[in-house]
Amino acid sequence: MRIHPALLPALAAAAALAGCHTAPRTESPQTDSAALKAFSPLPDAVPASANVAAKVDLGRMLYYDPRLSRGQDVSCNSCHPLDRYGADGHATSEGYKHAHGSRNSPTVYNAAGHVAQFWDGRAPDLEAQAKGPVLNPVEMAMPSEKAVVSVLQSIPDYARAFHSAFPDDPDPLTLDNMAKAIAAFERKLVTPGRWDKFLRGDDTALTAEEKAGFTAFVDAGCSTCHAGTYVGGNIYQKLGVAEPWPDTADPGRFQVTRNEADRMVFKVPSLRNVARTAPYFHNGKVETLEQAVSAMAQHQLGKFLSDADVKAIAKWLTALTGDIPAGYIAPPPLPKSTPQTPRADNSD
């Protein structure tokens, strides 16, 4: 990646902002270039399977359809609203009969590029993740795979759409194919923005304050975990490396592996669109971006950042807000139910 001359004035601004530094920063252009090489812009396209257009159209309908839930009132979009950057703004999302789980619902935007899905990485890809909420008793709460398929089979337009999306499958309407279609749609949910333009060489894409914030971010050590295309999302890390995290009720990846070394280990979240996806962390208990930056510096890096540095970093993080795909944020027309469409919830 070429050196960004526009970053050089930002170094002086960052030094002036950082009250916790006793001397001006003296980063060289080479150091700046090395820091930027740890990041890369979003790809133009996320790899997808064959017959993708029909799968995307089907997956989009399924994503918005509440009939995939036991009470017929919760869809994927309920917890991951696409017109709100894929996050519902709650600490934990509301599911079947107003129940709440214990973890914050992460955004689906750009998730296709992550190392794994869910905070604990228990799903290796989008296809595996898409089946989880539908059958989770606290979320969409469908009682069984058979119940999901029964609902879909009863709707003629869905039967036709599955045949179109999976023409070589002798039995196309399955839970696995439902997940494949939703995943195909979610691979379209990417949000390129000003940060990508900057990485591609447009020095005017970021303001001087945002460039100074990036310098503060790198200086603090944040890019050790938050780097790459997605500014995170590509590794696991223990929460509380330098100083124990105060809330250890959720053991994180330990629940998946039962390996003691994985206690309090979580997938490092992507910071793309982070300014629009509060509240923060696995339990959604941190409300503001500034609080999140300060807490990470303290517990992960053993540093107490000045207010000026926290504000500078938060300013750069706003530059990671991308453009959501306008064609996907409005619900599509859904296939009509028939009188024979079953309702999974028989308890009301």
Protein backbone atom coordinates (compact mmCIF):
# COMPACT_ATOMS: atom_id res chain seq x y z
CA MET A 1 0.00 0.00 0.00
CA ARG A 2 1.40 3.42 -0.84
CA ILE A 3 2.25 6.00 1.83
CA HIS A 4 -0.49 8.48 2.59
CA PRO A 5 1.04 11.97 2.74
CA ALA A 6 -2.23 13.24 4.16
CA LEU A 7 -1.52 11.37 7.37
CA LEU A 8 1.57 13.42 8.18
CA PRO A 9 -0.21 16.59 9.38
CA ALA A 10 -2.46 14.37 11.46
CA LEU A 11 0.51 13.18 13.49
CA ALA A 12 1.05 16.62 14.92
CA ALA A 13 -2.65 16.98 15.64
CA ALA A 14 -2.69 13.62 17.39
CA ALA A 15 0.25 14.62 19.55
CA ALA A 16 -1.51 17.80 20.59
CA LEU A 17 -4.65 15.88 21.45
CA ALA A 18 -2.94 13.19 23.51
CA GLY A 19 -2.57 14.64 26.98
CA CYS A 20 -1.12 11.40 28.34
CA HIS A 21 2.00 11.73 26.14
CA THR A 22 4.83 13.82 27.55
CA ALA A 23 6.58 14.33 24.21
CA PRO A 24 5.41 14.90 20.63
CA ARG A 25 4.96 11.80 18.53
CA THR A 26 7.69 11.26 15.98
CA GLU A 27 6.28 8.61 13.69
CA SER A 28 7.98 8.43 10.32
CA PRO A 29 6.25 8.07 6.97
CA GLN A 30 7.54 4.49 6.90
CA THR A 31 5.87 3.74 10.23
CA ASP A 32 2.61 5.17 8.93
CA SER A 33 2.83 3.04 5.82
CA ALA A 34 3.45 -0.06 7.92
CA ALA A 35 0.43 0.73 10.10
CA LEU A 36 -1.82 1.14 7.09
CA LYS A 37 -0.65 -2.14 5.59
CA ALA A 38 -2.44 -3.92 8.43
CA PHE A 39 -5.75 -2.81 6.89
CA SER A 40 -7.39 -3.42 3.54
CA PRO A 41 -10.56 -2.21 1.80
CA LEU A 42 -13.67 -4.30 1.44
CA PRO A 43 -13.60 -6.60 -1.59
CA ASP A 44 -15.78 -5.70 -4.56
CA ALA A 45 -17.61 -9.02 -4.18
CA VAL A 46 -17.86 -11.74 -1.56
CA PRO A 47 -17.44 -15.25 -3.01
CA ALA A 48 -20.82 -16.89 -3.55
CA SER A 49 -22.18 -20.19 -4.79
CA ALA A 50 -23.75 -20.90 -8.19
CA ASN A 51 -27.25 -19.72 -9.08
CA VAL A 52 -26.72 -16.87 -6.68
CA ALA A 53 -29.44 -14.47 -7.94
CA ALA A 54 -32.28 -16.88 -7.21
CA LYS A 55 -30.76 -17.78 -3.84
CA VAL A 56 -30.39 -14.11 -2.90
CA ASP A 57 -34.01 -13.35 -3.81
CA LEU A 58 -35.21 -16.33 -1.77
CA GLY A 59 -32.88 -15.53 1.12
CA ARG A 60 -34.08 -11.95 1.25
CA MET A 61 -37.69 -13.10 1.65
CA LEU A 62 -36.75 -15.61 4.32
CA TYR A 63 -34.70 -12.99 6.18
CA TYR A 64 -37.75 -10.76 6.54
CA ASP A 65 -40.37 -13.46 7.10
CA PRO A 66 -41.71 -13.75 10.70
CA ARG A 67 -43.47 -17.01 9.83
CA LEU A 68 -40.15 -18.72 10.44
CA SER A 69 -40.72 -18.07 14.15
CA ARG A 70 -42.98 -19.98 16.50
CA GLY A 71 -45.16 -16.97 17.29
CA GLN A 72 -44.98 -15.71 13.70
CA ASP A 73 -43.82 -12.34 14.99
CA VAL A 74 -40.01 -12.49 14.90
CA SER A 75 -37.84 -12.48 11.78
CA CYS A 76 -34.10 -12.23 11.23
CA ASN A 77 -34.66 -8.54 10.58
CA SER A 78 -36.31 -8.10 13.99
CA CYS A 79 -32.99 -8.50 15.78
CA HIS A 80 -30.78 -7.39 12.87
CA PRO A 81 -32.73 -4.53 11.23
CA LEU A 82 -31.04 -3.70 7.97
CA ASP A 83 -32.19 -0.08 7.98
CA ARG A 84 -30.36 0.40 11.32
CA TYR A 85 -27.00 -1.03 10.33
CA GLY A 86 -28.09 -4.53 11.32
CA ALA A 87 -28.33 -3.85 15.06
CA ASP A 88 -31.52 -3.25 17.04
CA GLY A 89 -30.01 -0.94 19.66
CA HIS A 90 -30.89 -3.15 22.63
CA ALA A 91 -28.49 -4.82 25.06
CA THR A 92 -30.13 -8.14 24.17
CA SER A 93 -32.84 -8.74 21.61
CA GLU A 94 -36.43 -9.72 22.27
CA GLY A 95 -37.50 -13.13 21.00
CA TYR A 96 -40.35 -15.60 21.50
CA LYS A 97 -42.88 -14.45 24.12
CA HIS A 98 -40.70 -11.40 24.85
CA ALA A 99 -37.83 -13.53 26.14
CA HIS A 100 -34.28 -12.20 26.07
CA GLY A 101 -31.05 -14.08 25.67
CA SER A 102 -27.80 -13.17 27.40
CA ARG A 103 -25.82 -11.82 24.44
CA ASN A 104 -25.99 -8.74 22.28
CA SER A 105 -27.10 -9.30 18.69
CA PRO A 106 -24.18 -8.35 16.43
CA THR A 107 -24.70 -6.70 13.07
CA VAL A 108 -25.04 -8.91 10.00
CA TYR A 109 -23.39 -6.35 7.75
CA ASN A 110 -19.98 -7.56 6.54
CA ALA A 111 -20.31 -10.71 8.68
CA ALA A 112 -19.56 -12.94 5.70
CA GLY A 113 -15.88 -12.08 5.99
CA HIS A 114 -15.49 -12.98 9.67
CA VAL A 115 -13.49 -15.95 10.93
CA ALA A 116 -16.66 -17.47 12.40
CA GLN A 117 -20.15 -16.47 13.55
CA PHE A 118 -21.62 -15.69 16.98
CA TRP A 119 -19.62 -14.17 19.82
CA ASP A 120 -18.22 -17.57 20.74
CA GLY A 121 -17.53 -18.69 17.17
CA ARG A 122 -19.73 -21.76 17.45
CA ALA A 123 -20.87 -21.47 13.82
CA PRO A 124 -18.10 -21.66 11.22
CA ASP A 125 -19.99 -19.76 8.53
CA LEU A 126 -23.19 -17.93 7.64
CA GLU A 127 -24.94 -21.14 6.62
CA ALA A 128 -24.46 -22.69 10.05
CA GLN A 129 -25.39 -19.44 11.78
CA ALA A 130 -28.66 -19.01 9.88
CA LYS A 131 -30.10 -22.21 11.35
CA GLY A 132 -29.33 -21.26 14.94
CA PRO A 133 -31.84 -18.48 15.75
CA VAL A 134 -34.74 -20.26 14.01
CA LEU A 135 -34.50 -23.24 16.38
CA ASN A 136 -33.27 -21.37 19.47
CA PRO A 137 -36.04 -21.54 22.13
CA VAL A 138 -35.37 -17.97 23.28
CA GLU A 139 -35.18 -16.44 19.81
CA MET A 140 -37.47 -17.65 17.00
CA ALA A 141 -38.26 -20.85 18.92
CA MET A 142 -39.42 -23.15 16.13
CA PRO A 143 -39.86 -26.55 17.83
CA SER A 144 -38.10 -28.61 15.17
CA GLU A 145 -36.63 -28.73 11.71
CA LYS A 146 -39.77 -30.52 10.57
CA ALA A 147 -41.93 -27.64 11.78
CA VAL A 148 -39.89 -25.11 9.80
CA VAL A 149 -40.08 -27.18 6.62
CA SER A 150 -43.80 -27.77 7.12
CA VAL A 151 -44.51 -24.04 7.21
CA LEU A 152 -42.45 -23.41 4.07
CA GLN A 153 -43.94 -26.35 2.17
CA SER A 154 -47.46 -25.06 2.81
CA ILE A 155 -46.74 -21.82 0.91
CA PRO A 156 -46.76 -22.51 -2.86
CA ASP A 157 -44.60 -19.52 -3.79
CA TYR A 158 -41.89 -20.68 -1.42
CA ALA A 159 -41.96 -24.16 -2.90
CA ARG A 160 -41.44 -22.65 -6.35
CA ALA A 161 -38.71 -20.30 -5.13
CA PHE A 162 -36.75 -23.16 -3.55
CA HIS A 163 -36.98 -25.13 -6.80
CA SER A 164 -35.65 -22.11 -8.71
CA ALA A 165 -32.80 -21.53 -6.27
CA PHE A 166 -31.80 -25.20 -6.05
CA PRO A 167 -32.78 -26.67 -9.44
CA ASP A 168 -30.43 -29.67 -9.20
CA ASP A 169 -31.63 -30.72 -5.75
CA PRO A 170 -34.27 -33.48 -5.85
CA ASP A 171 -35.60 -32.25 -2.49
CA PRO A 172 -34.89 -28.51 -2.52
CA LEU A 173 -37.09 -27.37 0.36
CA THR A 174 -34.97 -28.20 3.40
CA LEU A 175 -33.64 -26.41 6.46
CA ASP A 176 -30.13 -26.60 5.04
CA ASN A 177 -31.23 -24.92 1.82
CA MET A 178 -33.13 -22.30 3.79
CA ALA A 179 -29.85 -21.47 5.54
CA LYS A 180 -27.93 -21.45 2.25
CA ALA A 181 -30.40 -18.96 0.76
CA ILE A 182 -30.26 -16.65 3.79
CA ALA A 183 -26.46 -16.84 3.71
CA ALA A 184 -26.42 -15.98 0.00
CA PHE A 185 -28.46 -12.87 0.77
CA GLU A 186 -26.29 -11.90 3.73
CA ARG A 187 -23.18 -12.06 1.54
CA LYS A 188 -24.64 -9.08 -0.28
CA LEU A 189 -24.73 -7.06 2.95
CA VAL A 190 -21.47 -5.16 2.65
CA THR A 191 -20.93 -1.51 3.52
CA PRO A 192 -18.07 0.19 1.67
CA GLY A 193 -17.43 3.74 2.78
CA ARG A 194 -14.92 6.53 3.24
CA TRP A 195 -12.37 4.31 5.00
CA ASP A 196 -12.21 2.11 1.90
CA LYS A 197 -11.72 5.14 -0.33
CA PHE A 198 -8.88 6.29 1.91
CA LEU A 199 -7.20 2.89 1.82
CA ARG A 200 -7.45 2.95 -1.98
CA GLY A 201 -5.55 6.24 -2.10
CA ASP A 202 -8.12 9.03 -1.72
CA ASP A 203 -6.38 11.20 0.89
CA THR A 204 -9.37 13.52 1.07
CA ALA A 205 -11.78 10.78 2.18
CA LEU A 206 -10.93 11.32 5.86
CA THR A 207 -10.79 14.59 7.79
CA ALA A 208 -7.68 15.72 9.63
CA GLU A 209 -9.36 14.84 12.94
CA GLU A 210 -10.17 11.34 11.72
CA LYS A 211 -6.59 10.80 10.55
CA ALA A 212 -5.35 11.96 13.94
CA GLY A 213 -7.76 9.51 15.55
CA PHE A 214 -6.35 6.67 13.44
CA THR A 215 -2.85 7.56 14.63
CA ALA A 216 -4.06 7.53 18.24
CA PHE A 217 -5.76 4.17 17.63
CA VAL A 218 -2.54 2.62 16.34
CA ASP A 219 -0.38 4.24 19.02
CA ALA A 220 -2.59 2.88 21.76
CA GLY A 221 -2.16 -0.65 20.42
CA CYS A 222 -5.78 -1.19 19.34
CA SER A 223 -4.75 -2.42 15.90
CA THR A 224 -3.13 -5.49 17.47
CA CYS A 225 -6.60 -7.08 17.45
CA HIS A 226 -8.61 -4.71 15.30
CA ALA A 227 -7.00 -4.81 11.86
CA GLY A 228 -7.55 -6.35 8.47
CA THR A 229 -10.39 -5.80 6.05
CA TYR A 230 -13.05 -5.77 8.76
CA VAL A 231 -11.00 -3.96 11.44
CA GLY A 232 -11.51 -7.05 13.61
CA GLY A 233 -13.69 -10.10 13.16
CA ASN A 234 -10.72 -12.29 12.23
CA ILE A 235 -9.38 -13.62 15.56
CA TYR A 236 -10.40 -14.65 19.06
CA GLN A 237 -9.13 -12.87 22.15
CA LYS A 238 -9.50 -13.13 25.89
CA LEU A 239 -11.56 -10.32 27.38
CA GLY A 240 -9.43 -8.92 30.18
CA VAL A 241 -5.88 -9.59 28.97
CA ALA A 242 -4.23 -6.83 30.99
CA GLU A 243 -6.81 -6.34 33.72
CA PRO A 244 -9.61 -8.81 34.58
CA TRP A 245 -12.98 -7.99 33.06
CA PRO A 246 -15.39 -7.16 35.90
CA ASP A 247 -18.27 -9.35 34.67
CA THR A 248 -17.33 -13.01 34.17
CA ALA A 249 -20.85 -14.46 34.12
CA ASP A 250 -20.50 -15.35 30.45
CA PRO A 251 -17.42 -17.58 29.94
CA GLY A 252 -17.43 -17.02 26.17
CA ARG A 253 -15.84 -19.61 23.93
CA PHE A 254 -15.36 -21.95 26.89
CA GLN A 255 -19.02 -22.91 26.46
CA VAL A 256 -18.14 -24.31 23.03
CA THR A 257 -14.76 -25.94 23.58
CA ARG A 258 -14.81 -26.71 27.33
CA ASN A 259 -11.15 -25.80 27.21
CA GLU A 260 -10.18 -23.75 30.26
CA ALA A 261 -7.87 -21.67 28.09
CA ASP A 262 -10.96 -20.42 26.26
CA ARG A 263 -12.67 -19.01 29.35
CA MET A 264 -13.62 -15.36 28.70
CA VAL A 265 -12.43 -15.68 25.09
CA PHE A 266 -14.67 -14.10 22.46
CA LYS A 267 -14.48 -13.36 18.76
CA VAL A 268 -13.00 -9.91 18.33
CA PRO A 269 -15.82 -7.84 16.82
CA SER A 270 -15.43 -5.93 13.60
CA LEU A 271 -15.33 -2.17 14.11
CA ARG A 272 -16.96 -1.38 10.79
CA ASN A 273 -20.11 0.68 11.44
CA VAL A 274 -19.33 0.53 15.17
CA ALA A 275 -20.53 4.11 15.69
CA ARG A 276 -24.01 2.97 14.60
CA THR A 277 -24.28 -0.34 16.46
CA ALA A 278 -24.39 0.54 20.16
CA PRO A 279 -24.59 -0.82 22.82
CA TYR A 280 -21.34 -2.70 22.94
CA PHE A 281 -19.63 -5.95 23.89
CA HIS A 282 -21.05 -9.43 24.17
CA ASN A 283 -23.63 -8.45 26.78
CA GLY A 284 -24.51 -5.01 25.44
CA LYS A 285 -23.81 -3.35 28.78
CA VAL A 286 -21.58 -0.53 27.50
CA GLU A 287 -23.64 2.26 26.03
CA THR A 288 -21.27 4.70 24.34
CA LEU A 289 -18.36 4.42 21.94
CA GLU A 290 -16.13 6.48 24.22
CA GLN A 291 -16.82 4.14 27.15
CA ALA A 292 -16.01 1.16 24.94
CA VAL A 293 -12.69 2.66 23.80
CA SER A 294 -11.67 3.51 27.36
CA ALA A 295 -12.62 0.07 28.68
CA MET A 296 -10.73 -1.73 25.94
CA ALA A 297 -7.58 0.29 26.56
CA GLN A 298 -7.74 -0.41 30.28
CA HIS A 299 -8.63 -4.11 30.25
CA GLN A 300 -6.92 -5.26 27.06
CA LEU A 301 -3.86 -3.00 26.93
CA GLY A 302 -3.37 -1.88 30.53
CA LYS A 303 -3.59 1.76 29.52
CA PHE A 304 -5.61 4.67 30.83
CA LEU A 305 -6.15 6.90 27.84
CA SER A 306 -6.65 10.62 28.17
CA ASP A 307 -10.06 12.02 27.35
CA ALA A 308 -8.50 13.64 24.30
CA ASP A 309 -7.17 10.34 22.98
CA VAL A 310 -10.47 8.59 23.62
CA LYS A 311 -12.33 11.28 21.71
CA ALA A 312 -9.80 11.17 18.89
CA ILE A 313 -10.11 7.41 18.49
CA ALA A 314 -13.90 7.61 18.62
CA LYS A 315 -13.75 10.27 15.92
CA TRP A 316 -11.81 7.94 13.62
CA LEU A 317 -14.21 5.10 14.35
CA THR A 318 -17.04 7.19 12.91
CA ALA A 319 -15.16 7.12 9.60
CA LEU A 320 -15.72 3.35 9.53
CA THR A 321 -19.45 3.91 8.96
CA GLY A 322 -20.18 2.68 5.46
CA ASP A 323 -23.05 2.89 3.01
CA ILE A 324 -25.80 0.34 3.54
CA PRO A 325 -27.22 -1.20 0.34
CA ALA A 326 -30.39 0.79 -0.28
CA GLY A 327 -32.02 -1.99 -2.26
CA TYR A 328 -32.08 -4.32 0.73
CA ILE A 329 -33.31 -2.18 3.61
CA ALA A 330 -36.99 -2.31 2.64
CA PRO A 331 -38.89 -5.57 3.28
CA PRO A 332 -39.70 -7.43 0.04
CA PRO A 333 -43.19 -8.70 -0.75
CA LEU A 334 -43.59 -12.03 1.04
CA PRO A 335 -45.35 -15.11 -0.36
CA LYS A 336 -48.92 -15.32 0.88
CA SER A 337 -49.93 -17.92 3.43
CA THR A 338 -52.58 -20.46 2.56
CA PRO A 339 -55.40 -21.74 4.78
CA GLN A 340 -53.26 -24.86 5.26
CA THR A 341 -50.20 -22.98 6.54
CA PRO A 342 -49.51 -24.43 10.00
CA ARG A 343 -48.80 -22.36 13.05
CA ALA A 344 -46.06 -23.81 15.23
CA ASP A 345 -47.22 -22.04 18.38
CA ASN A 346 -49.99 -24.18 19.85
CA SER A 347 -49.61 -22.89 23.37
CA ASP A 348 -51.55 -19.64 23.09
